[in-house]
N, C-alpha and C. Protein backbone atom coordinates (compact mmCIF):
# COMPACT_ATOMS: atom_id res chain seq x y z
N MET A 1 27.40 24.97 -38.66
CA MET A 1 28.71 24.31 -39.34
C MET A 1 29.84 23.95 -38.07
N SER A 2 30.01 24.84 -37.09
CA SER A 2 30.86 24.72 -36.07
C SER A 2 30.83 22.93 -35.46
N ILE A 3 29.01 23.20 -35.12
CA ILE A 3 29.10 21.90 -34.44
C ILE A 3 29.28 20.60 -35.34
N ILE A 4 29.49 20.40 -36.39
CA ILE A 4 29.58 19.35 -37.28
C ILE A 4 30.71 18.96 -37.27
N LEU A 5 32.04 20.18 -37.32
CA LEU A 5 33.42 19.77 -37.58
C LEU A 5 33.67 19.65 -36.22
N GLY A 6 32.76 19.75 -34.94
CA GLY A 6 33.05 19.38 -33.81
C GLY A 6 32.50 18.02 -33.85
N TYR A 7 31.85 17.10 -34.13
CA TYR A 7 30.97 15.99 -34.11
C TYR A 7 32.40 15.48 -35.09
N LEU A 8 32.74 15.77 -36.12
CA LEU A 8 33.66 15.15 -37.00
C LEU A 8 35.06 15.22 -36.58
N CYS A 9 35.52 16.20 -35.57
CA CYS A 9 36.91 15.70 -34.27
C CYS A 9 36.55 14.82 -33.51
N LEU A 10 35.29 14.78 -32.97
CA LEU A 10 35.22 13.46 -31.95
C LEU A 10 35.24 12.41 -32.99
N LEU A 11 34.51 12.27 -33.92
CA LEU A 11 34.77 10.73 -34.70
C LEU A 11 36.39 10.27 -35.11
N CYS A 12 36.85 11.50 -35.51
CA CYS A 12 38.28 10.75 -35.62
C CYS A 12 38.63 10.44 -34.72
N PHE A 13 38.66 11.61 -33.69
CA PHE A 13 39.55 10.82 -31.84
C PHE A 13 38.81 9.43 -31.70
N CYS A 14 37.40 9.07 -31.83
CA CYS A 14 36.93 8.01 -31.41
C CYS A 14 38.02 6.85 -32.48
N MET A 15 38.16 7.38 -33.30
CA MET A 15 39.04 6.18 -34.39
C MET A 15 40.27 6.17 -34.02
N LEU A 16 40.79 6.95 -33.39
CA LEU A 16 42.50 6.99 -32.91
C LEU A 16 42.30 6.28 -32.01
N LEU A 17 41.43 6.06 -30.66
CA LEU A 17 40.87 4.98 -29.94
C LEU A 17 41.00 4.13 -30.08
N VAL A 18 40.12 3.60 -31.22
CA VAL A 18 39.79 2.21 -31.29
C VAL A 18 41.03 1.13 -31.21
N LYS A 19 42.21 2.66 -32.15
CA LYS A 19 43.64 1.42 -31.67
C LYS A 19 44.56 0.93 -30.64
N ALA A 20 44.33 2.10 -29.50
CA ALA A 20 44.08 1.20 -28.08
C ALA A 20 43.54 -0.13 -28.18
N LEU A 21 42.02 0.34 -28.34
CA LEU A 21 41.70 -1.05 -28.13
C LEU A 21 41.42 -2.53 -28.42
N THR A 22 42.09 -1.90 -30.43
CA THR A 22 42.39 -3.39 -31.06
C THR A 22 43.66 -3.70 -30.38
N ARG A 23 44.40 -3.24 -30.26
CA ARG A 23 45.66 -3.44 -29.04
C ARG A 23 45.46 -4.35 -28.22
N LYS A 24 44.37 -4.34 -27.00
CA LYS A 24 44.48 -4.69 -25.92
C LYS A 24 43.59 -5.80 -26.17
N MET A 25 42.78 -6.05 -27.05
CA MET A 25 41.77 -7.01 -27.17
C MET A 25 42.39 -8.09 -28.13
N HIS A 26 43.88 -7.47 -28.50
CA HIS A 26 44.64 -8.49 -29.45
C HIS A 26 44.16 -8.89 -30.76
N LEU A 27 43.76 -7.86 -31.33
CA LEU A 27 42.63 -7.45 -32.77
C LEU A 27 43.87 -7.59 -33.73
N LYS A 28 44.90 -8.86 -34.48
CA LYS A 28 46.25 -8.33 -34.87
C LYS A 28 45.74 -7.25 -35.93
N LYS A 29 44.85 -7.87 -37.12
CA LYS A 29 44.70 -7.35 -38.57
C LYS A 29 43.95 -6.00 -38.30
N ALA A 30 43.16 -5.90 -37.52
CA ALA A 30 42.66 -4.37 -36.73
C ALA A 30 43.39 -3.34 -36.63
N ASP A 31 44.11 -4.01 -35.54
CA ASP A 31 45.60 -3.16 -35.24
C ASP A 31 46.48 -3.26 -36.49
N VAL A 32 46.95 -3.68 -37.37
CA VAL A 32 47.62 -3.08 -38.14
C VAL A 32 46.98 -1.73 -39.16
N PHE A 33 46.09 -2.47 -38.89
CA PHE A 33 45.26 -1.58 -40.08
C PHE A 33 45.11 -0.07 -39.55
N PHE A 34 44.80 0.24 -37.98
CA PHE A 34 44.71 1.37 -37.69
C PHE A 34 45.80 1.64 -37.23
N MET A 35 47.23 1.34 -37.09
CA MET A 35 48.26 1.79 -37.28
C MET A 35 48.78 2.38 -38.23
N ARG A 36 48.47 1.66 -39.65
CA ARG A 36 48.60 2.41 -40.64
C ARG A 36 47.60 3.63 -40.78
N VAL A 37 46.96 4.11 -40.21
CA VAL A 37 46.51 4.83 -40.90
C VAL A 37 46.15 6.06 -39.46
N HIS A 38 46.67 5.53 -38.26
CA HIS A 38 46.94 6.47 -37.20
C HIS A 38 47.26 7.80 -37.48
N LYS A 39 48.30 8.08 -38.70
CA LYS A 39 48.53 9.23 -38.92
C LYS A 39 48.00 10.18 -39.97
N TYR A 40 47.07 9.80 -40.61
CA TYR A 40 46.27 10.07 -41.21
C TYR A 40 45.32 10.73 -40.87
N ILE A 41 44.42 9.94 -39.82
CA ILE A 41 42.83 10.23 -38.70
C ILE A 41 43.62 11.67 -38.24
N SER A 42 45.33 11.62 -37.72
CA SER A 42 45.67 12.58 -37.13
C SER A 42 45.70 14.02 -37.65
N ALA A 43 45.83 13.97 -38.77
CA ALA A 43 46.44 15.20 -39.34
C ALA A 43 44.47 15.24 -39.92
N ALA A 44 43.65 14.61 -40.39
CA ALA A 44 42.77 14.85 -40.39
C ALA A 44 42.11 16.13 -39.44
N LEU A 45 42.35 15.01 -38.08
CA LEU A 45 41.89 15.43 -36.73
C LEU A 45 42.01 17.22 -36.37
N LEU A 46 43.31 17.11 -37.03
CA LEU A 46 44.25 18.42 -36.53
C LEU A 46 43.50 19.46 -37.95
N VAL A 47 43.28 19.19 -38.75
CA VAL A 47 42.45 20.04 -40.23
C VAL A 47 41.55 20.32 -39.71
N ILE A 48 40.47 19.03 -39.22
CA ILE A 48 39.05 19.63 -38.74
C ILE A 48 39.02 20.36 -37.78
N TRP A 49 39.70 20.45 -36.27
CA TRP A 49 40.25 21.21 -35.55
C TRP A 49 40.20 22.57 -35.72
N VAL A 50 41.48 22.77 -36.82
CA VAL A 50 41.52 24.30 -36.93
C VAL A 50 40.34 25.08 -37.49
N LEU A 51 39.84 24.22 -38.18
CA LEU A 51 38.31 24.67 -39.18
C LEU A 51 37.24 24.37 -38.15
N HIS A 52 36.74 24.31 -37.10
CA HIS A 52 36.14 23.97 -35.98
C HIS A 52 36.22 25.24 -35.14
N ILE A 53 37.58 25.67 -34.73
CA ILE A 53 38.18 26.85 -33.41
C ILE A 53 37.76 28.15 -35.02
N ILE A 54 38.05 27.98 -35.87
CA ILE A 54 37.21 29.12 -37.30
C ILE A 54 35.83 29.46 -36.92
N PHE A 55 35.19 28.23 -37.42
CA PHE A 55 33.64 28.32 -37.38
C PHE A 55 33.21 28.53 -36.59
N VAL A 56 33.63 28.80 -35.10
CA VAL A 56 32.78 28.65 -33.31
C VAL A 56 33.54 30.35 -33.33
N PHE A 57 34.20 30.60 -33.64
CA PHE A 57 35.08 31.28 -33.33
C PHE A 57 34.23 32.51 -33.21
N PRO A 58 33.34 33.54 -33.85
CA PRO A 58 32.06 33.76 -34.02
C PRO A 58 30.83 33.92 -33.06
N VAL A 59 30.51 32.72 -32.40
CA VAL A 59 29.50 32.35 -31.80
C VAL A 59 30.26 32.15 -30.39
N LEU A 60 31.36 32.17 -29.96
CA LEU A 60 31.81 31.57 -29.05
C LEU A 60 31.47 32.45 -27.69
N MET A 61 31.03 34.13 -27.66
CA MET A 61 30.70 34.21 -26.79
C MET A 61 29.32 34.29 -26.50
N ALA A 62 28.42 33.46 -27.44
CA ALA A 62 27.06 32.94 -26.42
C ALA A 62 27.00 31.75 -26.13
N HIS A 63 28.42 31.32 -25.79
CA HIS A 63 28.42 30.02 -25.01
C HIS A 63 28.90 30.11 -23.14
N ASN A 64 28.78 29.06 -22.99
CA ASN A 64 28.78 29.29 -21.05
C ASN A 64 30.89 29.24 -21.43
N ILE A 65 31.26 29.80 -20.27
CA ILE A 65 32.85 30.19 -20.12
C ILE A 65 33.66 28.62 -19.83
N GLY A 66 32.96 27.76 -19.73
CA GLY A 66 33.77 26.16 -19.39
C GLY A 66 33.41 25.49 -20.54
N VAL A 67 32.67 25.92 -21.67
CA VAL A 67 32.99 26.09 -23.14
C VAL A 67 34.35 25.87 -23.97
N LEU A 68 34.19 27.57 -23.61
CA LEU A 68 35.77 27.65 -24.18
C LEU A 68 37.25 27.18 -23.24
N ILE A 69 36.38 26.79 -22.18
CA ILE A 69 38.08 26.88 -20.97
C ILE A 69 38.18 25.11 -21.46
N THR A 70 37.55 24.12 -21.62
CA THR A 70 37.36 22.62 -21.99
C THR A 70 38.09 22.79 -22.93
N GLY A 71 37.58 23.71 -24.44
CA GLY A 71 38.20 23.66 -25.72
C GLY A 71 39.33 23.98 -25.48
N VAL A 72 39.91 25.00 -24.64
CA VAL A 72 41.11 25.65 -25.04
C VAL A 72 42.01 23.87 -24.33
N LEU A 73 41.72 23.96 -23.46
CA LEU A 73 42.44 22.61 -22.62
C LEU A 73 42.78 21.28 -23.80
N THR A 74 41.54 20.92 -24.56
CA THR A 74 41.76 19.82 -25.08
C THR A 74 42.46 20.49 -26.26
N ALA A 75 42.09 21.61 -26.74
CA ALA A 75 43.31 22.15 -27.66
C ALA A 75 44.74 22.20 -27.64
N ALA A 76 45.10 22.69 -26.27
CA ALA A 76 46.18 22.55 -26.04
C ALA A 76 47.20 21.24 -25.63
N THR A 77 46.18 20.64 -25.28
CA THR A 77 46.72 19.14 -25.23
C THR A 77 46.92 18.44 -26.01
N MET A 78 46.00 18.76 -27.31
CA MET A 78 46.54 18.13 -28.73
C MET A 78 47.48 18.65 -29.50
N LEU A 79 47.78 19.77 -29.15
CA LEU A 79 49.50 20.32 -29.93
C LEU A 79 50.43 20.02 -28.86
N LEU A 80 50.03 19.62 -27.44
CA LEU A 80 51.53 19.49 -26.89
C LEU A 80 51.55 17.97 -26.95
N LEU A 81 50.56 16.82 -27.41
CA LEU A 81 50.65 15.45 -27.69
C LEU A 81 51.51 15.40 -29.14
N ILE A 82 50.74 16.24 -30.29
CA ILE A 82 51.69 16.24 -31.30
C ILE A 82 53.39 16.71 -31.12
N VAL A 83 53.46 17.86 -30.34
CA VAL A 83 54.34 18.08 -30.01
C VAL A 83 55.73 17.66 -29.34
N LEU A 84 55.50 17.00 -28.13
CA LEU A 84 56.11 16.46 -27.04
C LEU A 84 56.41 14.70 -27.92
N CYS A 85 55.56 14.15 -28.76
CA CYS A 85 55.25 12.51 -29.34
C CYS A 85 56.46 12.83 -30.59
N HIS A 86 56.88 13.95 -30.94
CA HIS A 86 57.23 14.08 -32.03
C HIS A 86 58.92 14.99 -31.68
N THR A 87 59.39 15.15 -30.36
CA THR A 87 60.59 15.80 -30.28
C THR A 87 60.85 15.09 -28.74
N ILE A 88 60.30 14.06 -27.87
CA ILE A 88 60.71 14.34 -26.41
C ILE A 88 62.18 13.47 -26.70
N THR A 89 62.01 12.06 -27.06
CA THR A 89 63.90 11.60 -27.31
C THR A 89 63.06 10.24 -28.41
N GLN A 90 64.44 9.68 -28.34
CA GLN A 90 64.32 8.24 -29.75
C GLN A 90 63.53 7.09 -28.22
N ASP A 91 63.45 7.22 -27.17
CA ASP A 91 63.34 6.40 -26.24
C ASP A 91 61.72 6.11 -26.36
N LYS A 92 61.26 5.17 -27.39
CA LYS A 92 59.95 4.69 -27.61
C LYS A 92 58.40 4.67 -26.37
N ARG A 93 59.46 4.01 -25.28
CA ARG A 93 58.54 3.46 -24.06
C ARG A 93 58.34 5.22 -23.56
N LEU A 94 59.12 5.71 -23.42
CA LEU A 94 58.96 7.16 -23.05
C LEU A 94 58.04 7.85 -24.07
N ASN A 95 58.19 8.07 -24.77
CA ASN A 95 57.43 8.24 -25.96
C ASN A 95 55.48 8.04 -25.89
N LEU A 96 55.51 6.45 -26.05
CA LEU A 96 53.96 6.33 -25.48
C LEU A 96 53.62 6.06 -24.80
N GLN A 97 54.36 6.49 -23.03
CA GLN A 97 54.08 6.69 -22.00
C GLN A 97 53.31 8.24 -21.76
N VAL A 98 54.12 8.99 -22.58
CA VAL A 98 53.63 10.76 -22.36
C VAL A 98 52.47 10.82 -23.61
N HIS A 99 52.52 9.96 -24.83
CA HIS A 99 51.28 9.79 -25.62
C HIS A 99 49.82 9.24 -24.82
N ARG A 100 50.26 8.41 -24.39
CA ARG A 100 48.77 7.79 -23.69
C ARG A 100 48.82 8.60 -22.33
N GLY A 101 49.38 9.49 -21.99
CA GLY A 101 48.86 10.37 -20.72
C GLY A 101 47.96 11.31 -20.90
N LEU A 102 48.84 11.79 -22.28
CA LEU A 102 47.68 12.75 -22.61
C LEU A 102 46.87 12.86 -23.50
N SER A 103 46.46 11.89 -23.96
CA SER A 103 45.31 10.98 -24.64
C SER A 103 44.48 11.17 -23.69
N VAL A 104 44.52 10.37 -22.57
CA VAL A 104 43.78 10.18 -21.69
C VAL A 104 43.49 11.77 -21.07
N VAL A 105 44.52 13.01 -20.94
CA VAL A 105 43.85 14.28 -20.41
C VAL A 105 42.97 14.55 -21.73
N MET A 106 43.22 14.15 -22.97
CA MET A 106 42.12 14.89 -24.24
C MET A 106 40.61 14.41 -24.02
N VAL A 107 40.64 12.81 -23.56
CA VAL A 107 39.59 12.23 -23.22
C VAL A 107 38.57 13.31 -22.32
N LEU A 108 39.01 13.22 -21.01
CA LEU A 108 38.36 14.29 -19.98
C LEU A 108 38.04 15.48 -20.60
N GLY A 109 39.20 16.05 -21.30
CA GLY A 109 38.81 17.26 -22.05
C GLY A 109 37.46 17.32 -22.93
N ILE A 110 37.50 16.46 -23.61
CA ILE A 110 36.60 16.22 -24.82
C ILE A 110 35.18 16.28 -23.93
N ILE A 111 35.14 15.12 -22.95
CA ILE A 111 33.84 14.62 -22.23
C ILE A 111 33.71 16.28 -21.40
N GLY A 112 34.06 17.05 -20.57
CA GLY A 112 34.16 18.36 -19.77
C GLY A 112 33.36 19.20 -21.37
N HIS A 113 34.16 19.32 -22.71
CA HIS A 113 33.67 20.02 -23.31
C HIS A 113 32.10 19.75 -23.82
N MET A 114 32.39 18.62 -24.16
CA MET A 114 30.73 18.17 -24.56
C MET A 114 29.51 18.42 -23.67
N VAL A 115 29.95 17.98 -22.06
CA VAL A 115 29.17 18.39 -21.34
C VAL A 115 28.80 19.88 -20.90
N THR A 116 29.97 20.53 -20.94
CA THR A 116 29.63 21.83 -20.42
C THR A 116 28.72 22.64 -21.75
N TYR A 117 28.78 21.93 -22.87
CA TYR A 117 28.54 22.51 -24.33
C TYR A 117 26.77 21.92 -23.87
N PHE A 118 26.39 20.72 -23.83
CA PHE A 118 25.05 20.24 -23.47
C PHE A 118 24.15 20.96 -22.48
N VAL A 119 25.10 20.68 -21.26
CA VAL A 119 24.15 21.48 -20.15
C VAL A 119 24.39 23.44 -20.65
N ASP A 120 24.97 24.06 -21.23
CA ASP A 120 24.77 25.29 -21.49
C ASP A 120 23.61 25.62 -21.97
């Protein structure tokens, strides 16, 4: 069950990344759509992520320590992203820069998490 929840987290994250691509590719209608559903997909990601942690806990020691480290790094980055983007300032430009930077760190964490999981 934990692997299915992990893939659902990945799916949600990819749907959130599509928002950046639609903006860069100047796809106005798609960009507006993904901006409208961004908060809902983020909320779904958060709920699925918590369930993923709950279901993976019993088998945690069966995996390489790298899987745990990259998972914790990704989780901490996601929580930091949520907290900072809602509390930093009213400066939208600064919020967007922090949001993008933490999203890049999350991408790297997710890639590392998947690589260490499959190498294990």
